[in-house]
Amino acid sequence: MAAKQASKEHHLRLYDSLLDSPAYLDLKPPARALLIEFLRIYRPSINGRLSISTREATERLNVTEPVALKAYYELAEHGFIRLKNHESWIDRKAREWELTMLPVNNHEPRNDWMQWTKGANLCPLPTKKKKSRPMKTGAVLPMKSRAAMAF
């Protein structure tokens, strides 16, 4: 029998206090799955710089992009993740997040999810503003007469 090697595998620990919380129980399955993916990449030295791109989330969760995006918003609204740095498309970097149930830089966890109540939005994320475009209705506006324009 071979000598047992020290395992280098990472493991997750989910406490009943989190799994039984109103915030967790209110999450849809894709948001729960995304939380697990964040916990998978968590290491104490990088909390606050955790990054899962939207593309990677769609692949890991086996969902469409709109469903993955909704999962990010749900986790933030319920206080499980907190946006630390916005994406930088120029540098091809995804957003960076903090898991609020775990310490950041040797500081106690924020545990925002513990304060969540139905209808609360603990960490609103900025939404992209849609560019306003002129409507293409095909209608032709009447021209003012030269006499009307003189006044």
C-alpha atoms as a PDB file:
ATOM      1  CA  MET A   1       0.000   0.000   0.000  1.00  0.00           C
ATOM      2  CA  ALA A   2       1.400   3.363  -1.042  1.00  0.00           C
ATOM      3  CA  ALA A   3       2.032   6.073   1.524  1.00  0.00           C
ATOM      4  CA  LYS A   4      -0.789   8.565   1.749  1.00  0.00           C
ATOM      5  CA  GLN A   5       0.091  11.850   0.059  1.00  0.00           C
ATOM      6  CA  ALA A   6      -0.925  15.148   1.565  1.00  0.00           C
ATOM      7  CA  SER A   7      -3.975  16.347  -0.325  1.00  0.00           C
ATOM      8  CA  LYS A   8      -3.649  19.673  -2.107  1.00  0.00           C
ATOM      9  CA  GLU A   9      -7.346  19.817  -2.856  1.00  0.00           C
ATOM     10  CA  HIS A  10      -9.337  22.793  -1.696  1.00  0.00           C
ATOM     11  CA  HIS A  11     -12.588  22.170   0.162  1.00  0.00           C
ATOM     12  CA  LEU A  12     -15.660  24.246   0.897  1.00  0.00           C
ATOM     13  CA  ARG A  13     -17.433  24.556   4.203  1.00  0.00           C
ATOM     14  CA  LEU A  14     -21.019  25.749   4.169  1.00  0.00           C
ATOM     15  CA  TYR A  15     -22.481  26.447   7.580  1.00  0.00           C
ATOM     16  CA  ASP A  16     -26.124  25.883   8.494  1.00  0.00           C
ATOM     17  CA  SER A  17     -26.400  29.543   9.516  1.00  0.00           C
ATOM     18  CA  LEU A  18     -25.727  30.518   5.903  1.00  0.00           C
ATOM     19  CA  LEU A  19     -27.772  27.747   4.257  1.00  0.00           C
ATOM     20  CA  ASP A  20     -30.775  28.376   6.525  1.00  0.00           C
ATOM     21  CA  SER A  21     -30.629  32.172   6.220  1.00  0.00           C
ATOM     22  CA  PRO A  22     -33.524  34.038   4.568  1.00  0.00           C
ATOM     23  CA  ALA A  23     -31.032  35.570   2.106  1.00  0.00           C
ATOM     24  CA  TYR A  24     -29.743  32.184   0.914  1.00  0.00           C
ATOM     25  CA  LEU A  25     -33.158  30.564   0.818  1.00  0.00           C
ATOM     26  CA  ASP A  26     -34.430  33.397  -1.398  1.00  0.00           C
ATOM     27  CA  LEU A  27     -31.696  32.846  -4.032  1.00  0.00           C
ATOM     28  CA  LYS A  28     -32.556  31.160  -7.310  1.00  0.00           C
ATOM     29  CA  PRO A  29     -30.492  28.061  -8.227  1.00  0.00           C
ATOM     30  CA  PRO A  30     -28.123  29.875 -10.648  1.00  0.00           C
ATOM     31  CA  ALA A  31     -27.197  32.398  -7.922  1.00  0.00           C
ATOM     32  CA  ARG A  32     -26.598  29.556  -5.451  1.00  0.00           C
ATOM     33  CA  ALA A  33     -24.378  27.830  -8.013  1.00  0.00           C
ATOM     34  CA  LEU A  34     -22.441  31.050  -8.678  1.00  0.00           C
ATOM     35  CA  LEU A  35     -21.868  31.458  -4.929  1.00  0.00           C
ATOM     36  CA  ILE A  36     -20.350  27.964  -4.879  1.00  0.00           C
ATOM     37  CA  GLU A  37     -18.084  28.934  -7.798  1.00  0.00           C
ATOM     38  CA  PHE A  38     -16.898  32.024  -5.897  1.00  0.00           C
ATOM     39  CA  LEU A  39     -16.218  29.880  -2.835  1.00  0.00           C
ATOM     40  CA  ARG A  40     -14.238  27.473  -5.031  1.00  0.00           C
ATOM     41  CA  ILE A  41     -11.799  30.200  -6.122  1.00  0.00           C
ATOM     42  CA  TYR A  42     -11.637  31.924  -2.714  1.00  0.00           C
ATOM     43  CA  ARG A  43      -8.282  32.090  -0.972  1.00  0.00           C
ATOM     44  CA  PRO A  44      -7.732  34.337   2.071  1.00  0.00           C
ATOM     45  CA  SER A  45      -5.088  36.407   0.298  1.00  0.00           C
ATOM     46  CA  ILE A  46      -7.331  37.312  -2.662  1.00  0.00           C
ATOM     47  CA  ASN A  47     -10.767  38.029  -1.178  1.00  0.00           C
ATOM     48  CA  GLY A  48     -11.766  41.361  -2.698  1.00  0.00           C
ATOM     49  CA  ARG A  49     -10.036  40.407  -5.935  1.00  0.00           C
ATOM     50  CA  LEU A  50     -12.118  37.324  -6.797  1.00  0.00           C
ATOM     51  CA  SER A  51     -12.918  37.301 -10.472  1.00  0.00           C
ATOM     52  CA  ILE A  52     -15.210  35.126 -12.555  1.00  0.00           C
ATOM     53  CA  SER A  53     -15.960  36.555 -15.991  1.00  0.00           C
ATOM     54  CA  THR A  54     -19.473  36.441 -17.370  1.00  0.00           C
ATOM     55  CA  ARG A  55     -18.305  34.029 -20.065  1.00  0.00           C
ATOM     56  CA  GLU A  56     -16.749  31.736 -17.463  1.00  0.00           C
ATOM     57  CA  ALA A  57     -19.909  31.905 -15.337  1.00  0.00           C
ATOM     58  CA  THR A  58     -22.088  30.880 -18.283  1.00  0.00           C
ATOM     59  CA  GLU A  59     -19.835  27.871 -18.880  1.00  0.00           C
ATOM     60  CA  ARG A  60     -19.522  26.838 -15.218  1.00  0.00           C
ATOM     61  CA  LEU A  61     -23.245  27.251 -14.490  1.00  0.00           C
ATOM     62  CA  ASN A  62     -24.384  25.932 -17.874  1.00  0.00           C
ATOM     63  CA  VAL A  63     -26.738  28.888 -18.348  1.00  0.00           C
ATOM     64  CA  THR A  64     -27.217  31.752 -20.786  1.00  0.00           C
ATOM     65  CA  GLU A  65     -25.519  35.122 -20.337  1.00  0.00           C
ATOM     66  CA  PRO A  66     -28.678  36.913 -19.088  1.00  0.00           C
ATOM     67  CA  VAL A  67     -29.197  34.186 -16.460  1.00  0.00           C
ATOM     68  CA  ALA A  68     -25.559  34.451 -15.330  1.00  0.00           C
ATOM     69  CA  LEU A  69     -25.806  38.246 -15.083  1.00  0.00           C
ATOM     70  CA  LYS A  70     -28.979  37.947 -13.013  1.00  0.00           C
ATOM     71  CA  ALA A  71     -27.113  35.568 -10.667  1.00  0.00           C
ATOM     72  CA  TYR A  72     -24.421  38.223 -10.036  1.00  0.00           C
ATOM     73  CA  TYR A  73     -27.102  40.823  -9.279  1.00  0.00           C
ATOM     74  CA  GLU A  74     -28.956  38.447  -6.954  1.00  0.00           C
ATOM     75  CA  LEU A  75     -25.808  37.621  -4.971  1.00  0.00           C
ATOM     76  CA  ALA A  76     -24.975  41.314  -4.629  1.00  0.00           C
ATOM     77  CA  GLU A  77     -28.548  42.325  -3.716  1.00  0.00           C
ATOM     78  CA  HIS A  78     -28.682  39.596  -1.063  1.00  0.00           C
ATOM     79  CA  GLY A  79     -25.338  40.686   0.408  1.00  0.00           C
ATOM     80  CA  PHE A  80     -23.203  37.643  -0.442  1.00  0.00           C
ATOM     81  CA  ILE A  81     -20.804  39.425  -2.788  1.00  0.00           C
ATOM     82  CA  ARG A  82     -19.664  43.032  -2.978  1.00  0.00           C
ATOM     83  CA  LEU A  83     -18.254  44.686  -6.093  1.00  0.00           C
ATOM     84  CA  LYS A  84     -14.724  45.944  -5.491  1.00  0.00           C
ATOM     85  CA  ASN A  85     -13.425  46.849  -8.971  1.00  0.00           C
ATOM     86  CA  HIS A  86     -15.335  47.379 -12.185  1.00  0.00           C
ATOM     87  CA  GLU A  87     -14.281  45.576 -15.313  1.00  0.00           C
ATOM     88  CA  SER A  88     -11.647  46.971 -17.606  1.00  0.00           C
ATOM     89  CA  TRP A  89     -12.351  45.979 -21.184  1.00  0.00           C
ATOM     90  CA  ILE A  90      -9.139  47.624 -22.331  1.00  0.00           C
ATOM     91  CA  ASP A  91      -7.093  45.372 -20.053  1.00  0.00           C
ATOM     92  CA  ARG A  92      -9.490  42.451 -20.697  1.00  0.00           C
ATOM     93  CA  LYS A  93     -10.146  42.072 -16.963  1.00  0.00           C
ATOM     94  CA  ALA A  94     -13.422  40.978 -15.390  1.00  0.00           C
ATOM     95  CA  ARG A  95     -14.979  42.603 -12.332  1.00  0.00           C
ATOM     96  CA  GLU A  96     -13.451  41.809  -8.949  1.00  0.00           C
ATOM     97  CA  TRP A  97     -15.585  40.801  -5.984  1.00  0.00           C
ATOM     98  CA  GLU A  98     -15.440  40.261  -2.232  1.00  0.00           C
ATOM     99  CA  LEU A  99     -17.242  37.400  -0.506  1.00  0.00           C
ATOM    100  CA  THR A 100     -18.830  39.157   2.466  1.00  0.00           C
ATOM    101  CA  MET A 101     -18.980  36.033   4.649  1.00  0.00           C
ATOM    102  CA  LEU A 102     -15.181  35.710   4.681  1.00  0.00           C
ATOM    103  CA  PRO A 103     -12.389  37.985   5.987  1.00  0.00           C
ATOM    104  CA  VAL A 104     -10.663  40.559   3.766  1.00  0.00           C
ATOM    105  CA  ASN A 105      -7.076  41.592   4.548  1.00  0.00           C
ATOM    106  CA  ASN A 106      -7.320  40.241   8.113  1.00  0.00           C
ATOM    107  CA  HIS A 107     -10.498  42.259   8.776  1.00  0.00           C
ATOM    108  CA  GLU A 108     -13.625  40.592  10.091  1.00  0.00           C
ATOM    109  CA  PRO A 109     -16.187  39.516   7.472  1.00  0.00           C
ATOM    110  CA  ARG A 110     -18.897  42.069   6.661  1.00  0.00           C
ATOM    111  CA  ASN A 111     -21.652  39.390   6.628  1.00  0.00           C
ATOM    112  CA  ASP A 112     -23.998  41.693   4.707  1.00  0.00           C
ATOM    113  CA  TRP A 113     -26.236  38.712   3.907  1.00  0.00           C
ATOM    114  CA  MET A 114     -27.217  38.483   7.595  1.00  0.00           C
ATOM    115  CA  GLN A 115     -29.001  41.856   7.366  1.00  0.00           C
ATOM    116  CA  TRP A 116     -30.943  40.978   4.202  1.00  0.00           C
ATOM    117  CA  THR A 117     -34.744  41.078   4.306  1.00  0.00           C
ATOM    118  CA  LYS A 118     -37.284  40.494   1.554  1.00  0.00           C
ATOM    119  CA  GLY A 119     -37.340  43.518  -0.750  1.00  0.00           C
ATOM    120  CA  ALA A 120     -33.973  44.832   0.467  1.00  0.00           C
ATOM    121  CA  ASN A 121     -31.130  45.583  -1.938  1.00  0.00           C
ATOM    122  CA  LEU A 122     -27.980  45.528   0.187  1.00  0.00           C
ATOM    123  CA  CYS A 123     -25.464  46.205  -2.543  1.00  0.00           C
ATOM    124  CA  PRO A 124     -26.962  47.766  -5.651  1.00  0.00           C
ATOM    125  CA  LEU A 125     -24.870  47.324  -8.739  1.00  0.00           C
ATOM    126  CA  PRO A 126     -24.570  50.058 -11.335  1.00  0.00           C
ATOM    127  CA  THR A 127     -26.599  49.381 -14.433  1.00  0.00           C
ATOM    128  CA  LYS A 128     -25.517  50.385 -17.882  1.00  0.00           C
ATOM    129  CA  LYS A 129     -27.468  53.358 -19.146  1.00  0.00           C
ATOM    130  CA  LYS A 130     -29.024  52.771 -22.501  1.00  0.00           C
ATOM    131  CA  LYS A 131     -28.064  55.287 -25.116  1.00  0.00           C
ATOM    132  CA  SER A 132     -31.037  57.290 -26.235  1.00  0.00           C
ATOM    133  CA  ARG A 133     -31.585  57.027 -29.938  1.00  0.00           C
ATOM    134  CA  PRO A 134     -34.072  58.917 -32.053  1.00  0.00           C
ATOM    135  CA  MET A 135     -37.094  56.796 -32.784  1.00  0.00           C
ATOM    136  CA  LYS A 136     -37.449  55.647 -36.347  1.00  0.00           C
ATOM    137  CA  THR A 137     -41.159  55.950 -36.919  1.00  0.00           C
ATOM    138  CA  GLY A 138     -41.127  56.813 -40.578  1.00  0.00           C
ATOM    139  CA  ALA A 139     -43.190  59.911 -39.835  1.00  0.00           C
ATOM    140  CA  VAL A 140     -42.260  63.161 -41.490  1.00  0.00           C
ATOM    141  CA  LEU A 141     -42.406  66.279 -39.367  1.00  0.00           C
ATOM    142  CA  PRO A 142     -44.106  69.286 -40.987  1.00  0.00           C
ATOM    143  CA  MET A 143     -41.808  72.065 -42.053  1.00  0.00           C
ATOM    144  CA  LYS A 144     -42.454  75.532 -40.745  1.00  0.00           C
ATOM    145  CA  SER A 145     -43.287  78.132 -43.340  1.00  0.00           C
ATOM    146  CA  ARG A 146     -40.746  80.850 -44.028  1.00  0.00           C
ATOM    147  CA  ALA A 147     -43.187  83.385 -42.628  1.00  0.00           C
ATOM    148  CA  ALA A 148     -43.442  81.525 -39.318  1.00  0.00           C
ATOM    149  CA  MET A 149     -39.650  81.224 -39.117  1.00  0.00           C
ATOM    150  CA  ALA A 150     -39.204  85.025 -39.500  1.00  0.00           C
ATOM    151  CA  PHE A 151     -40.753  85.719 -36.121  1.00  0.00           C
END
